[in-house]
Every structure is written in structure tokens, then in C-alpha cells.
């Protein structure tokens, strides 16, 4: 799992960055995205951030990308509506 958290002051830049992240995962909170982990997805995100967004960021902006290992994912505790999002649910008809 990859967690991406950002604090971008400019509304236009923040909106573009948010739309970019929506391609890969889902929003957990206003400026936090959860992305299913794969090496290809991680590399796509890192390359895109480095070459498309990094030069646009200023001293007020920050982006944090955290890659969680399988053991770490088991230690995550979810509360509120996220409790239902913890595991994929399969329905058999």
C-alpha cells in the first residue's frame, strides 16, 4: 500500500495533483490518498511527481509518499467509515 499526503497552498495546483492521484487510488481524507501497491504504480507516481510537479512546488508545498510493507499494513487500525474499507468484500450470488 502507498499513502500519499500533500499540502499544496495553490488551489489550482492542489486540484491538478488531486486529480492525478485519483487515477491510482482513492481519497482517504481531503489530502490523503491510499493506493494499492505495485512496483509499476509506485514508479509511475514517482516519475510523474519528479518530472511534472516537483518544479511547480514552492516552499509552502509538501508531498509525502509512504510505501508500507505487508507486515506494516497488518498494524494499521481504521476507525469510522474506514472500518468497512479494511478488507475487500466479496459477494457470491
Protein backbone atom coordinates (compact mmCIF):
# COMPACT_ATOMS: atom_id res chain seq x y z
CA UNK A 1 0.00 0.00 0.00
CA UNK A 2 1.16 3.52 -0.78
CA UNK A 3 -0.06 6.52 1.19
CA UNK A 4 0.30 9.94 -0.39
CA UNK A 5 -0.29 13.01 1.72
CA UNK A 6 0.04 16.53 0.41
CA UNK A 7 -0.29 20.13 1.50
CA UNK A 8 -0.34 22.40 -1.52
CA UNK A 9 -1.26 26.04 -0.97
CA UNK A 10 -2.31 26.98 -4.51
CA UNK A 11 -5.85 25.78 -5.30
CA UNK A 12 -5.18 25.15 -8.98
CA UNK A 13 -2.00 23.10 -8.33
CA UNK A 14 -3.70 21.20 -5.50
CA UNK A 15 -6.67 20.34 -7.71
CA UNK A 16 -4.43 19.07 -10.54
CA UNK A 17 -2.38 16.98 -8.11
CA UNK A 18 -5.52 15.50 -6.57
CA UNK A 19 -6.89 14.54 -10.00
CA UNK A 20 -3.56 12.92 -10.81
CA UNK A 21 -3.70 10.78 -7.64
CA UNK A 22 -7.31 9.74 -8.32
CA UNK A 23 -6.02 7.81 -11.33
CA UNK A 24 -4.19 5.45 -8.99
CA UNK A 25 -6.13 5.23 -5.76
CA UNK A 26 -8.83 6.57 -3.53
CA UNK A 27 -9.10 9.50 -1.22
CA UNK A 28 -9.00 8.65 2.49
CA UNK A 29 -9.11 12.23 3.68
CA UNK A 30 -9.10 15.56 1.91
CA UNK A 31 -5.37 15.47 1.17
CA UNK A 32 -4.53 11.80 1.77
CA UNK A 33 -4.75 9.06 -0.85
CA UNK A 34 -4.44 5.28 -0.45
CA UNK A 35 -3.04 3.44 -3.46
CA UNK A 36 -2.78 -0.30 -3.99
CA UNK A 37 0.90 -1.10 -4.11
CA UNK A 38 2.74 -2.39 -7.11
CA UNK A 39 6.23 -1.51 -8.24
CA UNK A 40 4.91 -0.25 -11.58
CA UNK A 41 2.36 2.06 -9.96
CA UNK A 42 4.91 3.38 -7.49
CA UNK A 43 7.40 4.12 -10.29
CA UNK A 44 4.69 5.86 -12.35
CA UNK A 45 3.82 8.10 -9.41
CA UNK A 46 7.43 8.90 -8.55
CA UNK A 47 8.35 9.73 -12.15
CA UNK A 48 5.25 11.88 -12.63
CA UNK A 49 5.85 13.80 -9.41
CA UNK A 50 9.54 14.31 -10.19
CA UNK A 51 9.14 15.46 -13.78
CA UNK A 52 5.71 17.07 -13.85
CA UNK A 53 5.01 18.50 -10.40
CA UNK A 54 8.29 18.95 -8.49
CA UNK A 55 9.31 22.12 -10.34
CA UNK A 56 5.91 23.68 -9.63
CA UNK A 57 6.12 23.17 -5.87
CA UNK A 58 7.29 26.09 -3.78
CA UNK A 59 8.46 26.44 -0.17
CA UNK A 60 4.84 26.28 1.08
CA UNK A 61 4.06 22.93 -0.59
CA UNK A 62 4.81 19.44 0.67
CA UNK A 63 4.16 15.92 -0.58
CA UNK A 64 4.81 12.79 1.45
CA UNK A 65 4.83 9.36 -0.22
CA UNK A 66 4.93 6.38 2.16
CA UNK A 67 5.26 2.79 0.93
CA UNK A 68 4.00 0.30 3.52
CA UNK A 69 5.25 -3.28 3.62
CA UNK A 70 2.89 -6.24 4.12
CA UNK A 71 3.78 -6.51 7.83
CA UNK A 72 3.13 -2.80 8.33
CA UNK A 73 -0.28 -2.99 6.66
CA UNK A 74 -1.39 -5.53 9.27
CA UNK A 75 -0.69 -2.99 12.02
CA UNK A 76 -2.95 -0.30 10.57
CA UNK A 77 -6.04 0.46 12.67
CA UNK A 78 -9.04 2.02 11.00
CA UNK A 79 -11.95 3.77 12.67
CA UNK A 80 -15.11 5.45 11.46
CA UNK A 81 -16.24 4.72 7.93
CA UNK A 82 -12.80 3.31 7.07
CA UNK A 83 -13.50 0.22 9.21
CA UNK A 84 -15.60 -1.10 6.32
CA UNK A 85 -12.82 -0.35 3.84
CA UNK A 86 -10.21 -2.51 5.58
CA UNK A 87 -10.73 -5.64 3.54
CA UNK A 88 -12.13 -6.30 0.11
CA UNK A 89 -15.62 -7.74 0.40
CA UNK A 90 -16.70 -10.49 -1.99
CA UNK A 91 -20.34 -11.31 -2.59
CA UNK A 92 -21.45 -14.63 -4.06
CA UNK A 93 -24.90 -14.77 -5.55
